[in-house]
């Protein structure tokens, strides 16, 4: 019983640290006096927690503000230099690796193009290994200050090995469109990437990392429910419910690109027919433009082809728009609008954001039509409650979102560093609340004591 009480006190203290860190991170800088009402903690608890976090260089002063007749109040914020994070976007045309401080200010970046060699697993692992080494070297960073490495990938992420022993395998990626079947990606990375063994890996779907970035820092902030669409060479989406610090907050990646928009339609690269991705993905738009006789070399990549298609439909040279290009893009807008109508009817989001590199290219031209089609295909009351806008974070959103995976875990653990031994579930979804973190640690300790 005494041991249980000691654990409870320790976990309560860690939970208090998490509440202070999270509130300062999302709403700071704040004074000690403001932290009390914001966190529900007493002034004594606030003083103790702030003193601990400041001693660990996780908090720093951010100026002073005058109070009503009293002494000026010191503002506090999470110290950007309190740790390092790496975010990796394994996209369908390139791999982007970025190193950040705790404020998610970029310190270094590197990219690897994938056009020639595709999704060979060994090559991808090699790119990640060299990319991580490059950004650490370029920034002169100490790898022991890393709080984690977050990675966004296409496909479905499974965190339980088939035999139930997750410690041996970690996150497994099922990426049908990139010919990855049960790839033990985390285990491969752990064996290849040269970082201290305690640095955790967090692997998740790229649309979900994009969604988390937009919810934290972009167009989704403040929305109780939102859907974020990632349109690149392929298509995906993420649905979020609850605000940033809501204990019931949830986030779900959807294989939205493989919802059906056309019966007996085009063959999708997943093998099915009539998928949204077969019409609205950049790879599909390139193929459709080429098939329609568009003036495009057969070996043009997706980015070049999409730029040429848009230039033909919306010329800035005074020429007449190409009617074939206009019709193709109108069909794309209708497919996207119809699929967004499904998201509206199913999830009732307050806000829908379009992102991804291809979404950012086509959105400024097609957004009015996409909105119109979505209203035609969705229930009127549901559609009237939903706004459809462009994402605000640009092409780096997936990388920033990937970095938020270890950051969310760090904040939820109250700023505690990764344990000396690698966690068996290092890549599992970051606890969303201090209570989630407490339950996870309790299970881990129970298993350890039983052994």
Protein backbone atom coordinates (compact mmCIF):
# COMPACT_ATOMS: atom_id res chain seq x y z
CA UNK A 1 0.00 0.00 0.00
CA UNK A 2 2.83 2.38 0.84
CA UNK A 3 4.41 1.73 -2.55
CA UNK A 4 1.10 2.42 -4.26
CA UNK A 5 0.76 5.70 -2.38
CA UNK A 6 4.26 6.75 -3.34
CA UNK A 7 3.48 6.06 -6.99
CA UNK A 8 0.27 8.03 -6.76
CA UNK A 9 2.02 11.06 -5.30
CA UNK A 10 4.75 10.86 -7.92
CA UNK A 11 2.25 10.58 -10.73
CA UNK A 12 0.19 13.45 -9.34
CA UNK A 13 3.28 15.63 -9.29
CA UNK A 14 4.11 14.66 -12.85
CA UNK A 15 0.53 15.39 -13.89
CA UNK A 16 0.76 18.86 -12.35
CA UNK A 17 3.94 19.51 -14.31
CA UNK A 18 2.18 18.41 -17.49
CA UNK A 19 -0.74 20.77 -16.90
CA UNK A 20 1.57 23.73 -16.41
CA UNK A 21 3.74 22.89 -19.41
CA UNK A 22 0.81 22.28 -21.72
CA UNK A 23 -0.96 25.48 -20.72
CA UNK A 24 2.20 27.56 -21.14
CA UNK A 25 2.98 25.94 -24.45
CA UNK A 26 -0.40 26.56 -26.04
CA UNK A 27 -1.47 29.77 -24.29
CA UNK A 28 1.74 31.32 -22.95
CA UNK A 29 3.47 33.39 -21.97
CA UNK A 30 1.51 33.55 -18.71
CA UNK A 31 2.24 34.78 -15.20
CA UNK A 32 2.17 32.55 -12.13
CA UNK A 33 -1.07 34.26 -11.12
CA UNK A 34 -2.67 33.41 -14.48
CA UNK A 35 -1.49 29.80 -14.34
CA UNK A 36 -3.60 29.08 -11.26
CA UNK A 37 -7.04 29.58 -12.86
CA UNK A 38 -5.80 28.19 -16.18
CA UNK A 39 -4.67 24.88 -14.66
CA UNK A 40 -6.89 24.58 -11.58
CA UNK A 41 -3.82 24.25 -9.34
CA UNK A 42 -3.22 26.08 -6.08
CA UNK A 43 -0.71 28.93 -5.87
CA UNK A 44 1.56 26.71 -3.78
CA UNK A 45 1.49 23.94 -6.39
CA UNK A 46 2.16 26.46 -9.16
CA UNK A 47 5.17 27.83 -7.28
CA UNK A 48 6.61 24.35 -6.74
CA UNK A 49 6.08 23.21 -10.30
CA UNK A 50 7.46 26.42 -11.81
CA UNK A 51 10.54 26.20 -9.60
CA UNK A 52 11.17 22.60 -10.67
CA UNK A 53 10.72 23.27 -14.37
CA UNK A 54 12.85 26.40 -14.27
CA UNK A 55 15.63 24.50 -12.48
CA UNK A 56 15.54 21.96 -15.32
CA UNK A 57 15.78 24.80 -17.90
CA UNK A 58 12.35 23.98 -19.30
CA UNK A 59 10.83 27.35 -18.40
CA UNK A 60 12.21 30.84 -18.82
CA UNK A 61 11.09 34.39 -18.16
CA UNK A 62 9.44 36.21 -21.05
CA UNK A 63 9.16 39.78 -19.73
CA UNK A 64 6.98 41.48 -17.15
CA UNK A 65 3.54 43.08 -17.21
CA UNK A 66 2.11 45.73 -14.94
CA UNK A 67 -0.60 44.66 -12.52
CA UNK A 68 -3.43 46.76 -11.10
CA UNK A 69 -1.56 48.71 -8.47
CA UNK A 70 0.57 45.77 -7.36
CA UNK A 71 4.02 44.55 -8.25
CA UNK A 72 4.73 43.79 -11.92
CA UNK A 73 4.11 40.16 -12.84
CA UNK A 74 6.76 38.04 -14.50
CA UNK A 75 5.64 36.16 -17.58
CA UNK A 76 6.79 32.59 -18.16
CA UNK A 77 7.08 30.47 -21.28
CA UNK A 78 8.41 27.07 -22.28
CA UNK A 79 12.12 27.50 -23.04
CA UNK A 80 12.81 26.84 -26.73
CA UNK A 81 16.24 25.45 -25.82
CA UNK A 82 14.80 22.85 -23.46
CA UNK A 83 15.18 20.06 -26.01
CA UNK A 84 15.35 19.08 -29.67
CA UNK A 85 12.82 17.39 -31.95
CA UNK A 86 13.09 15.84 -35.39
CA UNK A 87 10.14 15.71 -37.80
CA UNK A 88 10.24 13.60 -40.95
CA UNK A 89 7.80 13.64 -43.85
CA UNK A 90 8.07 10.51 -45.97
CA UNK A 91 6.07 11.83 -48.89
CA UNK A 92 5.47 10.31 -52.26
CA UNK A 93 7.96 12.48 -54.13
CA UNK A 94 10.56 13.27 -51.46
CA UNK A 95 11.65 12.78 -47.87
CA UNK A 96 11.98 15.93 -45.80
CA UNK A 97 13.85 15.88 -42.47
CA UNK A 98 13.81 18.89 -40.16
CA UNK A 99 15.37 19.59 -36.76
CA UNK A 100 13.44 21.86 -34.37
CA UNK A 101 13.77 23.36 -30.94
CA UNK A 102 10.88 23.18 -28.47
CA UNK A 103 9.18 26.21 -30.02
CA UNK A 104 9.23 24.31 -33.34
CA UNK A 105 11.61 26.84 -34.82
CA UNK A 106 13.51 25.12 -37.62
CA UNK A 107 17.22 24.66 -36.92
CA UNK A 108 18.20 22.57 -39.96
CA UNK A 109 16.62 20.69 -42.83
CA UNK A 110 17.44 18.34 -45.68
CA UNK A 111 15.53 16.62 -48.47
CA UNK A 112 15.89 13.44 -50.51
CA UNK A 113 14.06 13.04 -53.83
CA UNK A 114 12.29 9.72 -54.46
CA UNK A 115 11.41 10.05 -58.15
CA UNK A 116 14.00 7.58 -59.44
CA UNK A 117 13.91 4.82 -56.88
CA UNK A 118 10.41 4.87 -55.41
CA UNK A 119 9.58 3.20 -52.17
CA UNK A 120 12.25 0.56 -51.76
CA UNK A 121 12.24 0.02 -47.99
CA UNK A 122 16.00 -0.26 -47.58
CA UNK A 123 16.52 2.94 -49.56
CA UNK A 124 13.93 4.81 -47.48
CA UNK A 125 15.60 3.67 -44.26
CA UNK A 126 18.95 4.82 -45.64
CA UNK A 127 17.54 8.23 -46.51
CA UNK A 128 16.15 8.63 -42.99
CA UNK A 129 19.47 7.58 -41.47
CA UNK A 130 21.52 10.03 -43.52
CA UNK A 131 18.91 12.80 -43.18
CA UNK A 132 18.93 12.62 -39.39
CA UNK A 133 22.73 12.64 -39.36
CA UNK A 134 22.78 15.64 -41.70
CA UNK A 135 20.44 17.88 -39.69
CA UNK A 136 22.21 17.09 -36.41
CA UNK A 137 25.58 17.85 -37.99
CA UNK A 138 24.41 21.01 -39.76
CA UNK A 139 22.96 22.45 -36.55
CA UNK A 140 25.91 21.33 -34.41
CA UNK A 141 23.33 19.60 -32.19
CA UNK A 142 23.94 17.10 -29.41
CA UNK A 143 21.90 13.93 -30.16
CA UNK A 144 21.45 13.36 -26.42
CA UNK A 145 19.21 16.44 -26.32
CA UNK A 146 16.73 14.79 -28.69
CA UNK A 147 13.30 14.23 -27.16
CA UNK A 148 12.14 12.05 -30.03
CA UNK A 149 11.82 11.56 -33.76
CA UNK A 150 8.38 11.84 -35.35
CA UNK A 151 7.70 10.37 -38.78
CA UNK A 152 4.69 10.77 -41.08
CA UNK A 153 4.23 7.98 -43.64
CA UNK A 154 1.53 7.00 -46.14
CA UNK A 155 -0.55 4.01 -45.16
CA UNK A 156 -2.08 2.34 -42.14
CA UNK A 157 0.01 2.12 -38.97
CA UNK A 158 -0.33 -0.96 -36.80
CA UNK A 159 1.23 -0.87 -33.36
CA UNK A 160 0.73 -4.47 -32.34
CA UNK A 161 2.89 -7.15 -33.87
CA UNK A 162 0.99 -10.20 -35.17
CA UNK A 163 2.23 -12.27 -32.25
CA UNK A 164 1.38 -9.53 -29.76
CA UNK A 165 5.01 -8.83 -28.84
CA UNK A 166 5.29 -5.18 -29.78
CA UNK A 167 8.67 -4.73 -28.15
CA UNK A 168 10.35 -6.73 -30.88
CA UNK A 169 8.71 -5.02 -33.82
CA UNK A 170 7.23 -1.63 -32.90
CA UNK A 171 5.17 0.20 -35.51
CA UNK A 172 4.32 -1.75 -38.65
CA UNK A 173 3.32 0.08 -41.85
CA UNK A 174 0.74 -1.24 -44.31
CA UNK A 175 1.03 0.95 -47.41
CA UNK A 176 -0.84 -0.73 -50.22
CA UNK A 177 -0.30 2.07 -52.72
CA UNK A 178 3.47 2.03 -52.14
CA UNK A 179 3.76 -1.78 -52.01
CA UNK A 180 4.55 -1.94 -48.31
CA UNK A 181 2.97 -4.94 -46.63
CA UNK A 182 3.51 -5.23 -42.87
CA UNK A 183 6.87 -3.43 -43.02
CA UNK A 184 8.44 -3.39 -39.50
CA UNK A 185 9.48 0.19 -40.06
CA UNK A 186 10.29 1.15 -36.49
CA UNK A 187 12.51 -1.87 -35.96
CA UNK A 188 14.38 -1.14 -39.18
CA UNK A 189 14.90 2.49 -38.19
CA UNK A 190 16.09 1.59 -34.70
CA UNK A 191 18.72 -0.64 -36.22
CA UNK A 192 19.90 2.00 -38.69
CA UNK A 193 19.50 5.55 -37.32
CA UNK A 194 22.46 6.63 -35.19
CA UNK A 195 20.86 8.28 -32.16
CA UNK A 196 21.06 7.39 -28.46
CA UNK A 197 19.00 4.28 -27.67
CA UNK A 198 16.64 6.17 -25.34
CA UNK A 199 15.42 8.47 -28.14
CA UNK A 200 11.87 7.33 -28.99
CA UNK A 201 10.42 7.02 -32.49
CA UNK A 202 6.81 8.05 -33.17
CA UNK A 203 5.40 6.84 -36.49
CA UNK A 204 1.98 7.85 -37.76
CA UNK A 205 0.00 8.45 -40.92
CA UNK A 206 1.08 11.58 -42.79
CA UNK A 207 -2.45 12.95 -43.00
CA UNK A 208 -2.75 12.65 -39.23
CA UNK A 209 0.49 14.53 -38.63
CA UNK A 210 -0.69 17.23 -41.05
CA UNK A 211 -3.95 17.41 -39.12
CA UNK A 212 -2.21 17.75 -35.78
CA UNK A 213 -0.01 20.56 -37.09
CA UNK A 214 -3.03 22.47 -38.39
CA UNK A 215 -4.91 21.89 -35.12
CA UNK A 216 -1.97 23.12 -33.01
CA UNK A 217 -0.73 26.04 -35.08
CA UNK A 218 -2.85 26.50 -38.20
CA UNK A 219 -6.36 26.80 -39.50
CA UNK A 220 -7.82 24.13 -37.24
CA UNK A 221 -6.99 25.84 -33.97
CA UNK A 222 -10.08 26.64 -31.93
CA UNK A 223 -12.35 24.24 -33.83
CA UNK A 224 -14.16 21.63 -31.77
CA UNK A 225 -14.24 19.28 -34.75
CA UNK A 226 -12.29 19.53 -37.97
CA UNK A 227 -11.24 17.51 -40.99
CA UNK A 228 -7.94 18.08 -42.75
CA UNK A 229 -7.47 16.76 -46.28
CA UNK A 230 -4.00 15.93 -47.55
CA UNK A 231 -3.80 16.07 -51.34
CA UNK A 232 -0.45 15.08 -52.77
CA UNK A 233 0.42 12.36 -55.25
CA UNK A 234 -2.11 10.43 -53.19
CA UNK A 235 -5.01 11.56 -51.02
CA UNK A 236 -5.72 11.15 -47.31
CA UNK A 237 -7.56 12.85 -44.47
CA UNK A 238 -7.62 13.25 -40.71
CA UNK A 239 -10.61 13.98 -38.46
CA UNK A 240 -10.13 15.70 -35.09
CA UNK A 241 -12.60 16.07 -32.24
CA UNK A 242 -12.05 18.23 -29.15
CA UNK A 243 -9.72 21.11 -28.43
CA UNK A 244 -6.01 20.88 -27.69
CA UNK A 245 -6.26 20.19 -23.96
CA UNK A 246 -9.56 18.31 -23.94
CA UNK A 247 -9.24 14.95 -22.17
CA UNK A 248 -11.69 13.45 -24.66
CA UNK A 249 -9.84 14.78 -27.70
CA UNK A 250 -9.42 12.24 -30.47
CA UNK A 251 -7.72 12.18 -33.84
CA UNK A 252 -8.20 9.61 -36.57
CA UNK A 253 -6.46 9.12 -39.89
CA UNK A 254 -8.78 8.07 -42.72
CA UNK A 255 -8.01 6.29 -45.98
CA UNK A 256 -10.29 8.89 -47.51
CA UNK A 257 -8.54 8.72 -50.86
CA UNK A 258 -9.94 5.21 -51.32
CA UNK A 259 -13.56 6.13 -50.83
CA UNK A 260 -15.56 5.54 -54.01
CA UNK A 261 -16.57 8.58 -56.07
CA UNK A 262 -17.34 6.84 -59.38
CA UNK A 263 -18.97 3.44 -59.92
CA UNK A 264 -17.04 1.39 -62.48
CA UNK A 265 -14.60 4.30 -62.62
CA UNK A 266 -10.86 4.56 -63.17
CA UNK A 267 -8.56 1.94 -61.75
CA UNK A 268 -6.81 3.24 -58.65
CA UNK A 269 -3.22 2.33 -57.85
CA UNK A 270 -4.56 0.53 -54.76
CA UNK A 271 -6.18 -1.97 -57.14
CA UNK A 272 -9.78 -0.88 -56.62
CA UNK A 273 -11.86 1.17 -59.05
CA UNK A 274 -13.50 4.57 -58.78
CA UNK A 275 -11.44 5.79 -55.79
CA UNK A 276 -11.17 9.51 -55.06
CA UNK A 277 -7.39 9.17 -55.39
CA UNK A 278 -7.83 7.94 -58.98
CA UNK A 279 -9.26 11.37 -59.84
CA UNK A 280 -7.93 13.91 -57.33
CA UNK A 281 -4.40 12.69 -56.55
CA UNK A 282 -1.60 14.49 -58.39
CA UNK A 283 -0.40 11.22 -59.93
CA UNK A 284 -3.89 10.55 -61.30
CA UNK A 285 -4.24 14.12 -62.59
CA UNK A 286 -0.92 13.72 -64.42
CA UNK A 287 -2.10 10.47 -66.00
CA UNK A 288 -5.49 11.90 -66.98
CA UNK A 289 -3.88 15.01 -68.51
CA UNK A 290 -1.45 12.87 -70.50
CA UNK A 291 -4.25 10.54 -71.69
CA UNK A 292 -6.28 13.56 -72.81
CA UNK A 293 -3.42 14.69 -75.04
CA UNK A 294 -2.02 17.36 -72.76
CA UNK A 295 1.32 18.80 -73.98
CA UNK A 296 3.40 16.95 -71.44
CA UNK A 297 6.41 14.62 -71.67
CA UNK A 298 5.47 11.10 -70.64
CA UNK A 299 8.24 11.05 -68.04
CA UNK A 300 7.19 14.34 -66.35
CA UNK A 301 6.91 14.01 -62.58
CA UNK A 302 3.72 14.81 -60.66
CA UNK A 303 4.75 18.32 -59.63
CA UNK A 304 5.78 19.35 -63.15
CA UNK A 305 2.63 17.85 -64.65
CA UNK A 306 0.27 19.53 -62.18
CA UNK A 307 1.91 22.91 -62.73
CA UNK A 308 1.53 22.47 -66.52
CA UNK A 309 -2.12 21.45 -66.15
CA UNK A 310 -2.92 24.50 -64.06
CA UNK A 311 -1.04 26.79 -66.47
CA UNK A 312 -3.10 25.41 -69.36
CA UNK A 313 -6.40 25.92 -67.54
CA UNK A 314 -5.51 29.30 -66.06
CA UNK A 315 -3.03 30.95 -68.45
CA UNK A 316 -1.47 34.22 -67.38
CA UNK A 317 -0.21 35.00 -70.88
CA UNK A 318 -3.51 36.19 -72.36
CA UNK A 319 -4.09 32.89 -74.20
CA UNK A 320 -7.45 31.14 -74.10
CA UNK A 321 -7.83 28.47 -71.40
CA UNK A 322 -7.40 24.91 -72.63
CA UNK A 323 -10.95 23.46 -72.51
CA UNK A 324 -9.68 19.93 -71.87
CA UNK A 325 -7.64 21.11 -68.89
CA UNK A 326 -10.60 23.13 -67.58
CA UNK A 327 -12.94 20.12 -67.86
CA UNK A 328 -10.43 17.83 -66.18
CA UNK A 329 -10.00 20.19 -63.23
CA UNK A 330 -13.75 20.69 -62.94
CA UNK A 331 -14.20 16.93 -62.66
CA UNK A 332 -11.47 16.91 -60.01
CA UNK A 333 -13.27 19.65 -58.07
CA UNK A 334 -16.54 17.73 -58.24
CA UNK A 335 -14.93 14.52 -57.01
CA UNK A 336 -13.31 16.39 -54.13
CA UNK A 337 -16.54 18.20 -53.31
CA UNK A 338 -18.53 14.97 -53.30
CA UNK A 339 -15.97 13.26 -51.07
CA UNK A 340 -15.91 16.26 -48.72
CA UNK A 341 -19.70 16.02 -48.63
CA UNK A 342 -19.28 12.50 -47.28
CA UNK A 343 -16.94 13.79 -44.56
CA UNK A 344 -19.47 16.49 -43.67
CA UNK A 345 -22.34 14.01 -43.40
CA UNK A 346 -20.34 11.44 -41.44
CA UNK A 347 -18.37 13.62 -39.00
CA UNK A 348 -20.15 17.01 -38.89
CA UNK A 349 -16.91 19.04 -38.79
CA UNK A 350 -16.99 22.74 -38.07
CA UNK A 351 -14.03 23.28 -40.35
CA UNK A 352 -12.43 21.50 -43.31
CA UNK A 353 -8.91 22.43 -44.43
CA UNK A 354 -7.21 21.51 -47.69
CA UNK A 355 -3.48 20.84 -47.46
CA UNK A 356 -0.68 18.81 -48.98
CA UNK A 357 1.57 20.12 -51.74
CA UNK A 358 -0.95 19.41 -54.51
CA UNK A 359 -3.84 20.76 -52.45
CA UNK A 360 -1.94 24.00 -51.98
CA UNK A 361 -1.45 24.26 -55.76
CA UNK A 362 -5.00 23.52 -56.89
CA UNK A 363 -6.84 25.05 -53.93
CA UNK A 364 -6.56 28.74 -54.89
CA UNK A 365 -8.11 27.90 -58.29
CA UNK A 366 -10.63 25.21 -57.35
CA UNK A 367 -11.74 26.15 -53.85
CA UNK A 368 -14.95 27.99 -54.90
CA UNK A 369 -16.04 25.04 -57.04
CA UNK A 370 -15.07 22.52 -54.36
CA UNK A 371 -17.24 24.40 -51.86
CA UNK A 372 -20.15 24.51 -54.30
CA UNK A 373 -19.98 20.80 -55.04
CA UNK A 374 -19.63 19.93 -51.36
CA UNK A 375 -22.84 21.83 -50.61
CA UNK A 376 -24.61 19.99 -53.42
CA UNK A 377 -23.54 16.56 -52.18
CA UNK A 378 -23.86 17.10 -48.41
CA UNK A 379 -26.93 17.46 -46.24
CA UNK A 380 -27.93 21.11 -46.19
CA UNK A 381 -27.97 21.57 -42.41
CA UNK A 382 -24.60 19.84 -41.98
CA UNK A 383 -23.01 21.76 -44.86
CA UNK A 384 -24.27 25.07 -43.47
CA UNK A 385 -22.30 24.42 -40.28
CA UNK A 386 -19.03 23.68 -42.10
CA UNK A 387 -16.47 26.04 -43.58
CA UNK A 388 -13.97 24.83 -46.19
CA UNK A 389 -10.67 26.71 -46.26
CA UNK A 390 -7.05 26.30 -47.22
CA UNK A 391 -4.55 24.98 -44.69
CA UNK A 392 -2.29 27.68 -43.32
CA UNK A 393 1.02 25.94 -42.70
CA UNK A 394 2.25 25.37 -46.24
CA UNK A 395 4.22 22.41 -47.60
CA UNK A 396 6.09 21.83 -44.31
CA UNK A 397 2.93 20.99 -42.39
CA UNK A 398 3.50 17.21 -42.36
CA UNK A 399 7.06 17.66 -41.07
CA UNK A 400 5.94 20.08 -38.35
CA UNK A 401 3.11 17.71 -37.45
CA UNK A 402 5.54 14.80 -37.23
CA UNK A 403 7.63 16.80 -34.75
CA UNK A 404 4.53 17.40 -32.62
CA UNK A 405 4.29 13.65 -31.97
CA UNK A 406 7.34 13.51 -29.65
CA UNK A 407 6.53 17.01 -28.41
CA UNK A 408 3.03 15.94 -27.31
CA UNK A 409 4.52 12.98 -25.47
CA UNK A 410 7.11 15.20 -23.78
CA UNK A 411 4.48 17.68 -22.61
CA UNK A 412 2.15 14.93 -21.39
CA UNK A 413 5.00 13.42 -19.35
CA UNK A 414 5.50 16.73 -17.59
CA UNK A 415 8.81 17.43 -19.28
CA UNK A 416 10.50 14.22 -18.17
CA UNK A 417 13.18 12.95 -20.51
CA UNK A 418 13.03 9.61 -22.31
CA UNK A 419 13.94 6.72 -20.05
CA UNK A 420 17.47 5.26 -20.30
CA UNK A 421 16.13 2.10 -21.95
CA UNK A 422 14.06 2.31 -25.14
CA UNK A 423 10.37 1.95 -24.47
CA UNK A 424 8.71 -1.18 -25.79
CA UNK A 425 5.93 0.99 -27.21
CA UNK A 426 8.10 3.92 -28.21
CA UNK A 427 6.14 4.69 -31.37
CA UNK A 428 2.66 4.40 -29.96
CA UNK A 429 0.43 7.42 -30.16
CA UNK A 430 1.48 10.10 -27.69
CA UNK A 431 -0.74 10.31 -24.59
CA UNK A 432 -3.17 13.14 -25.12
CA UNK A 433 -3.60 13.97 -21.44
CA UNK A 434 -1.74 13.55 -18.17
CA UNK A 435 -4.29 10.88 -17.22
CA UNK A 436 -3.37 8.89 -20.33
CA UNK A 437 0.29 9.19 -19.43
CA UNK A 438 -0.39 8.02 -15.86
CA UNK A 439 -2.30 4.96 -17.05
CA UNK A 440 0.42 4.05 -19.52
CA UNK A 441 3.19 4.34 -16.94
CA UNK A 442 1.12 2.37 -14.43
CA UNK A 443 0.77 -0.51 -16.91
CA UNK A 444 4.47 -0.38 -17.68
CA UNK A 445 5.45 -0.50 -13.98
CA UNK A 446 3.00 -3.31 -13.26
CA UNK A 447 4.48 -5.41 -16.03
CA UNK A 448 7.99 -4.65 -14.82
CA UNK A 449 7.20 -5.60 -11.22
CA UNK A 450 5.50 -8.81 -12.36
CA UNK A 451 8.66 -9.77 -14.24
